[in-house]
Every structure is written in C-alpha cells, then in structure tokens.
C-alpha cells in the first residue's frame, strides 16, 4: 500500500501547557504508521522541504519505502498543533510557503513501482483526489482535508463521489456535521450514501467509529480501544485510516478493518507524535480480539 501527502514537523501544545517540539508528523506519515504496526512496509509518496531533521528522515526510512519522497527547494513545513481541554485542535503554520505541502505529492510524481499497489491512502482536497483517482488502480481510502469540509461543500463532495473511483471515504464526526448538519452519526452515513459513497468510515474519536458499505448493506459500530493514558491525540484519525486500509488490502472484512483501525489509533494516542516504538504483536492481537468482541452490528 501507498500513502500520498506531505511530511510535517509538529510542535505540539497540550492543554496543560506541556509542549513536545519537533515531532515527525503529517497525516500521511501517521496513516502509514497505522499500517506499519501490522507488519506492512508501505510506500510513502510525499513532499519534504529543506531542513527536515535527520532523525525524522531516519524514522521514515526505518518504517517505509521512501522511494516516493520528493525534495522541495523551500523550507520544511512546521506547524503548531494546539489542543484545548475539549479535545479540539488548532493547526498554525510556522513557515510562509505552505501551499506545496497542503497539495502534497502530485500524480506525475508517483514512482512507477507504486502504480500497481493494492491500496492508496489519499489525504487530499477536491482537485487532488480526482487527479489521483485517474492514475491509481487499487483500493482508495479518501480522508478529506479538514479545510475543505465546509457547509458549502456538499455539492462538490457529491460530484466527486459519483465521478471518482473512491472505495471508502472517512471524515471525522465534526467534519461530517459541518457539511451535512447536526444530525446523528447513522444519518450522516446515510447522507454520504445518498451522495454516492460506496463505503464510509465515520470516525468519532473516543466514541468509536461506524463502518458501512452501501452495496452490501452492512453497518458496524466499532468501539474505541481503551488505553490507560492518552498522551497525545495528534494524528489518531489518520492512524486509524492507515490500519483500516492495511486490513482491507489484506482481505479483511469491514468489521475486521474497523477494529484494526481502532487498534492502530490506540497505539498512536499512547505516545507523542507518530508511533515510534515497535508494537508488541501479542498486545496488538489482544486489543484486536477485544475490539472485535465489542463491535455491534447496526
């Protein structure tokens, strides 16, 4: 599997005032680590800037195939990730030129060896996801950029879902309610189906997630995996998407894929930034089994 996007460096500020500076980040990095904990070595097709710390590059090379990294001649993007007590996050960019990082890698920059990958994670806006769907053939999980999820964007989302080969769309609850209104989660899934979605993974943070497939009619509630202590929530949703895509690419059904995503997210929030340490396979399997047992068919 392959992830498309940009590498960030995050300076994380928690509600307590605790800061964690210079953390490797970016949605695509979090997502691919969500797959890597299951033994995958995914490809990363992402832009990096001048001044990316050597430690960050070494971390990327340790876990991913990095043939798809693209060096830009502008400073590496860096951003404050500021969390409030209610869990909301504000992202403030610390460099002047951010547009190339928001756009991320472009279809013409996809390495030839990645083109036949079985799955693609796309953290993209409207134009980007359509362009990518024209050049990739595998299963596509689209996580819409937060910036495009506005009350006026529903018509555009509908057009894209009808015209682009998107296997599954995964907004979070707040983003979906911004577009579709303050309706219950199951109604949001129905609205996305009405607009052309083939499958939906609605991420609801500590409330878990809903996985649904329009063609088969199956719907599952996947609980969040409990952890002893939440250290940092940065990238948990991206990490969920990566675990989910890994499972789908490896033949798991929707219920199993949702549980894999939830387990990946649980390891993410236990540490700061992207998952750094090797995850104990037995611990991952225990969490997965417990999560599967707690799923509910809707």
Protein backbone atom coordinates (compact mmCIF):
# COMPACT_ATOMS: atom_id res chain seq x y z
CA UNK A 1 0.00 0.00 0.00
CA UNK A 2 0.99 3.61 -0.60
CA UNK A 3 0.22 6.88 1.17
CA UNK A 4 0.10 10.23 -0.61
CA UNK A 5 0.68 13.60 1.03
CA UNK A 6 3.37 15.66 2.78
CA UNK A 7 5.74 15.27 5.71
CA UNK A 8 5.26 17.79 8.53
CA UNK A 9 7.22 18.69 11.62
CA UNK A 10 4.81 19.32 14.51
CA UNK A 11 5.26 21.39 17.65
CA UNK A 12 2.57 20.00 19.95
CA UNK A 13 0.99 22.03 22.77
CA UNK A 14 -1.28 20.17 25.20
CA UNK A 15 -3.97 21.86 27.36
CA UNK A 16 -1.69 21.52 30.39
CA UNK A 17 0.92 23.68 28.67
CA UNK A 18 3.20 20.70 28.08
CA UNK A 19 4.98 21.03 24.75
CA UNK A 20 6.62 18.46 22.51
CA UNK A 21 8.70 20.22 19.89
CA UNK A 22 9.99 18.95 16.58
CA UNK A 23 7.83 15.84 16.26
CA UNK A 24 7.65 13.97 12.96
CA UNK A 25 4.12 14.40 11.64
CA UNK A 26 1.82 14.82 8.69
CA UNK A 27 -1.37 12.90 8.06
CA UNK A 28 0.21 10.52 5.58
CA UNK A 29 3.03 9.65 8.00
CA UNK A 30 0.56 8.89 10.79
CA UNK A 31 -1.59 6.83 8.42
CA UNK A 32 1.30 4.72 7.16
CA UNK A 33 2.48 4.05 10.70
CA UNK A 34 -1.03 2.77 11.38
CA UNK A 35 -0.30 0.14 8.72
CA UNK A 36 3.33 -0.45 9.67
CA UNK A 37 2.46 -1.73 13.15
CA UNK A 38 0.78 -4.71 11.46
CA UNK A 39 4.00 -5.70 9.67
CA UNK A 40 3.46 -3.68 6.49
CA UNK A 41 6.28 -1.68 4.90
CA UNK A 42 4.20 0.83 2.94
CA UNK A 43 5.43 3.22 0.30
CA UNK A 44 5.31 6.93 1.01
CA UNK A 45 4.84 9.39 -1.86
CA UNK A 46 5.15 12.72 -0.12
CA UNK A 47 6.91 16.07 -0.32
CA UNK A 48 9.58 17.15 2.15
CA UNK A 49 11.28 20.53 2.50
CA UNK A 50 14.75 21.84 3.14
CA UNK A 51 15.83 21.34 6.72
CA UNK A 52 13.92 18.17 7.53
CA UNK A 53 15.67 16.88 10.67
CA UNK A 54 17.90 13.88 10.10
CA UNK A 55 16.18 11.98 12.88
CA UNK A 56 12.83 12.43 11.14
CA UNK A 57 14.24 11.17 7.83
CA UNK A 58 15.79 8.18 9.57
CA UNK A 59 12.43 7.35 11.12
CA UNK A 60 10.75 7.45 7.72
CA UNK A 61 13.41 5.20 6.21
CA UNK A 62 13.15 2.75 9.11
CA UNK A 63 9.45 2.05 8.60
CA UNK A 64 8.59 2.93 4.99
CA UNK A 65 9.78 2.53 1.43
CA UNK A 66 10.92 6.10 0.77
CA UNK A 67 11.49 5.98 -3.00
CA UNK A 68 8.49 8.29 -3.31
CA UNK A 69 9.83 11.14 -1.17
CA UNK A 70 10.09 14.38 -3.18
CA UNK A 71 12.54 17.08 -2.09
CA UNK A 72 11.30 20.66 -2.46
CA UNK A 73 13.59 23.69 -2.54
CA UNK A 74 11.62 25.54 0.15
CA UNK A 75 11.85 25.33 3.96
CA UNK A 76 10.35 22.25 5.59
CA UNK A 77 6.82 22.94 6.82
CA UNK A 78 6.45 23.19 10.57
CA UNK A 79 3.21 23.70 12.48
CA UNK A 80 1.92 24.29 15.97
CA UNK A 81 -0.64 21.66 16.97
CA UNK A 82 -2.53 23.29 19.83
CA UNK A 83 -5.04 21.21 21.80
CA UNK A 84 -7.84 22.52 24.02
CA UNK A 85 -9.40 20.81 27.03
CA UNK A 86 -12.34 19.56 24.95
CA UNK A 87 -10.01 17.81 22.51
CA UNK A 88 -10.31 20.34 19.69
CA UNK A 89 -7.11 21.12 17.81
CA UNK A 90 -5.84 24.22 16.04
CA UNK A 91 -3.06 23.99 13.49
CA UNK A 92 -0.91 27.09 12.97
CA UNK A 93 1.74 27.03 10.27
CA UNK A 94 5.18 28.34 11.14
CA UNK A 95 6.56 28.87 7.62
CA UNK A 96 5.45 31.26 4.89
CA UNK A 97 5.14 28.85 1.96
CA UNK A 98 2.65 26.13 2.89
CA UNK A 99 0.72 25.57 -0.37
CA UNK A 100 3.06 22.87 -1.82
CA UNK A 101 2.76 20.89 1.41
CA UNK A 102 -1.02 21.20 1.57
CA UNK A 103 -1.24 19.97 -2.03
CA UNK A 104 1.28 17.20 -1.32
CA UNK A 105 2.75 14.87 -3.93
CA UNK A 106 1.22 15.08 -7.41
CA UNK A 107 0.15 12.18 -9.67
CA UNK A 108 3.03 12.76 -12.09
CA UNK A 109 5.42 12.25 -9.16
CA UNK A 110 4.20 8.73 -8.37
CA UNK A 111 7.09 6.27 -8.74
CA UNK A 112 6.47 3.60 -11.36
CA UNK A 113 6.89 0.81 -8.81
CA UNK A 114 3.99 2.22 -6.74
CA UNK A 115 1.44 2.34 -9.57
CA UNK A 116 0.18 -1.21 -9.15
CA UNK A 117 -0.13 -1.06 -5.36
CA UNK A 118 -3.25 -2.68 -3.95
CA UNK A 119 -4.26 0.26 -1.78
CA UNK A 120 -3.83 4.03 -1.63
CA UNK A 121 -4.40 6.45 1.25
CA UNK A 122 -5.27 9.91 -0.05
CA UNK A 123 -5.33 12.88 2.33
CA UNK A 124 -6.49 15.30 -0.34
CA UNK A 125 -8.71 18.19 -1.29
CA UNK A 126 -11.25 18.10 -4.09
CA UNK A 127 -8.97 18.60 -7.09
CA UNK A 128 -6.28 16.36 -5.68
CA UNK A 129 -8.43 13.33 -5.04
CA UNK A 130 -9.91 13.43 -8.54
CA UNK A 131 -6.46 13.72 -10.13
CA UNK A 132 -5.14 10.79 -8.12
CA UNK A 133 -8.13 8.57 -8.86
CA UNK A 134 -7.30 8.90 -12.56
CA UNK A 135 -3.86 7.30 -12.17
CA UNK A 136 -4.23 4.65 -9.44
CA UNK A 137 -5.95 1.29 -9.76
CA UNK A 138 -6.04 -0.07 -6.22
CA UNK A 139 -8.43 0.37 -3.36
CA UNK A 140 -8.66 4.07 -2.46
CA UNK A 141 -9.35 5.41 1.03
CA UNK A 142 -10.04 9.15 0.89
CA UNK A 143 -9.64 11.23 4.03
CA UNK A 144 -10.82 14.71 3.01
CA UNK A 145 -8.66 17.61 4.11
CA UNK A 146 -10.20 19.39 7.07
CA UNK A 147 -10.02 22.73 5.23
CA UNK A 148 -12.47 21.64 2.53
CA UNK A 149 -15.17 20.33 4.86
CA UNK A 150 -17.41 23.41 4.94
CA UNK A 151 -21.20 23.93 4.83
CA UNK A 152 -20.98 24.88 1.14
CA UNK A 153 -19.01 21.82 0.00
CA UNK A 154 -21.75 19.17 -0.18
CA UNK A 155 -22.43 19.59 -3.90
CA UNK A 156 -18.74 19.19 -4.68
CA UNK A 157 -18.45 16.10 -2.47
CA UNK A 158 -21.46 14.60 -4.24
CA UNK A 159 -19.90 15.22 -7.65
CA UNK A 160 -16.61 13.64 -6.62
CA UNK A 161 -18.20 10.59 -5.04
CA UNK A 162 -20.21 9.98 -8.22
CA UNK A 163 -17.37 10.59 -10.67
CA UNK A 164 -14.19 9.34 -8.95
CA UNK A 165 -13.25 5.76 -8.08
CA UNK A 166 -13.19 6.20 -4.30
CA UNK A 167 -13.55 2.92 -2.42
CA UNK A 168 -14.17 4.45 1.01
CA UNK A 169 -14.48 7.97 2.39
CA UNK A 170 -13.51 8.68 6.01
CA UNK A 171 -14.40 12.06 7.52
CA UNK A 172 -14.50 12.61 11.25
CA UNK A 173 -17.76 13.40 13.03
CA UNK A 174 -17.18 17.15 13.35
CA UNK A 175 -16.25 17.47 9.68
CA UNK A 176 -19.27 15.49 8.52
CA UNK A 177 -21.61 17.55 10.69
CA UNK A 178 -20.09 20.76 9.33
CA UNK A 179 -21.05 19.66 5.82
CA UNK A 180 -24.33 17.85 6.46
CA UNK A 181 -25.65 19.48 9.62
CA UNK A 182 -26.05 18.45 13.24
CA UNK A 183 -27.55 15.03 12.60
CA UNK A 184 -26.90 11.68 14.33
CA UNK A 185 -23.97 9.59 13.07
CA UNK A 186 -26.12 6.98 11.31
CA UNK A 187 -27.94 9.75 9.44
CA UNK A 188 -24.60 11.20 8.37
CA UNK A 189 -23.63 7.83 6.91
CA UNK A 190 -26.96 7.71 5.06
CA UNK A 191 -26.36 11.21 3.69
CA UNK A 192 -22.94 10.19 2.39
CA UNK A 193 -24.52 7.15 0.73
CA UNK A 194 -27.15 9.43 -0.85
CA UNK A 195 -24.29 11.49 -2.26
CA UNK A 196 -22.64 8.47 -3.88
CA UNK A 197 -20.27 6.99 -1.28
CA UNK A 198 -19.60 3.28 -1.76
CA UNK A 199 -18.35 2.77 1.80
CA UNK A 200 -17.93 5.05 4.81
CA UNK A 201 -15.76 5.04 7.91
CA UNK A 202 -17.15 7.78 10.16
CA UNK A 203 -14.54 8.47 12.84
CA UNK A 204 -15.93 9.68 16.18
CA UNK A 205 -12.86 9.87 18.42
CA UNK A 206 -13.42 8.32 21.84
CA UNK A 207 -16.97 7.45 20.74
CA UNK A 208 -15.60 4.91 18.29
CA UNK A 209 -16.48 4.69 14.61
CA UNK A 210 -19.16 3.48 12.21
CA UNK A 211 -18.20 1.38 9.20
CA UNK A 212 -20.78 0.91 6.47
CA UNK A 213 -20.99 -0.43 2.92
CA UNK A 214 -23.79 0.81 0.67
CA UNK A 215 -23.83 -2.21 -1.67
CA UNK A 216 -23.88 -4.95 0.97
CA UNK A 217 -25.97 -3.02 3.48
CA UNK A 218 -23.68 -3.92 6.37
CA UNK A 219 -23.09 -1.41 9.16
CA UNK A 220 -20.88 -1.87 12.18
CA UNK A 221 -20.22 0.16 15.27
CA UNK A 222 -16.56 -0.18 16.24
CA UNK A 223 -15.72 0.97 19.79
CA UNK A 224 -12.61 2.96 20.57
CA UNK A 225 -9.91 0.76 22.09
CA UNK A 226 -9.38 1.81 25.73
CA UNK A 227 -5.91 2.85 26.84
CA UNK A 228 -4.53 3.54 30.30
CA UNK A 229 -3.38 7.07 29.44
CA UNK A 230 -3.82 9.37 26.47
CA UNK A 231 -0.53 11.16 25.86
CA UNK A 232 -1.27 12.93 22.56
CA UNK A 233 -4.18 12.73 20.12
CA UNK A 234 -2.31 14.20 17.14
CA UNK A 235 -2.82 12.04 14.07
CA UNK A 236 -5.05 9.43 15.70
CA UNK A 237 -7.65 9.68 12.94
CA UNK A 238 -5.02 9.36 10.22
CA UNK A 239 -3.51 6.37 12.01
CA UNK A 240 -6.95 4.77 12.14
CA UNK A 241 -7.30 5.17 8.36
CA UNK A 242 -3.92 3.53 7.80
CA UNK A 243 -4.80 0.49 9.89
CA UNK A 244 -8.16 0.29 8.17
CA UNK A 245 -6.61 0.37 4.69
CA UNK A 246 -4.00 -2.22 5.63
CA UNK A 247 -6.77 -4.58 6.73
CA UNK A 248 -8.86 -4.08 3.60
CA UNK A 249 -5.86 -4.62 1.33
CA UNK A 250 -5.13 -7.85 3.19
CA UNK A 251 -8.60 -9.27 2.69
CA UNK A 252 -10.23 -8.34 5.99
CA UNK A 253 -13.96 -7.59 6.01
CA UNK A 254 -15.40 -4.23 7.04
CA UNK A 255 -15.83 -5.16 10.69
CA UNK A 256 -12.28 -6.50 10.94
CA UNK A 257 -10.86 -3.49 9.14
CA UNK A 258 -12.58 -1.11 11.55
CA UNK A 259 -11.15 -2.99 14.51
CA UNK A 260 -7.65 -2.89 13.02
CA UNK A 261 -8.00 0.86 12.55
CA UNK A 262 -9.16 1.32 16.14
CA UNK A 263 -6.18 -0.68 17.44
CA UNK A 264 -3.76 1.40 15.36
CA UNK A 265 -5.28 4.61 16.74
CA UNK A 266 -4.98 3.31 20.31
CA UNK A 267 -1.22 2.87 19.96
CA UNK A 268 -0.96 6.35 18.44
CA UNK A 269 -2.62 8.19 21.35
CA UNK A 270 -0.46 6.42 23.93
CA UNK A 271 2.66 8.22 22.69
CA UNK A 272 3.64 11.63 21.37
CA UNK A 273 3.61 12.23 17.61
CA UNK A 274 3.72 9.25 15.26
CA UNK A 275 4.12 5.76 16.69
CA UNK A 276 7.85 5.38 17.32
CA UNK A 277 8.45 2.15 19.16
CA UNK A 278 7.87 -1.32 17.75
CA UNK A 279 4.44 -2.50 18.83
CA UNK A 280 4.29 -5.81 20.66
CA UNK A 281 2.39 -8.13 18.28
CA UNK A 282 0.69 -10.02 21.11
CA UNK A 283 -0.56 -6.74 22.61
CA UNK A 284 -1.88 -5.69 19.22
CA UNK A 285 -3.63 -9.02 18.76
CA UNK A 286 -5.16 -8.84 22.25
CA UNK A 287 -6.54 -5.38 21.58
CA UNK A 288 -7.84 -6.50 18.21
CA UNK A 289 -9.64 -9.53 19.65
CA UNK A 290 -11.22 -7.43 22.41
CA UNK A 291 -12.32 -4.80 19.92
CA UNK A 292 -13.86 -7.39 17.58
CA UNK A 293 -15.79 -8.86 20.52
CA UNK A 294 -17.18 -5.42 21.39
CA UNK A 295 -18.36 -4.48 17.88
CA UNK A 296 -22.09 -4.05 17.31
CA UNK A 297 -23.99 -4.75 14.09
CA UNK A 298 -26.27 -1.82 13.33
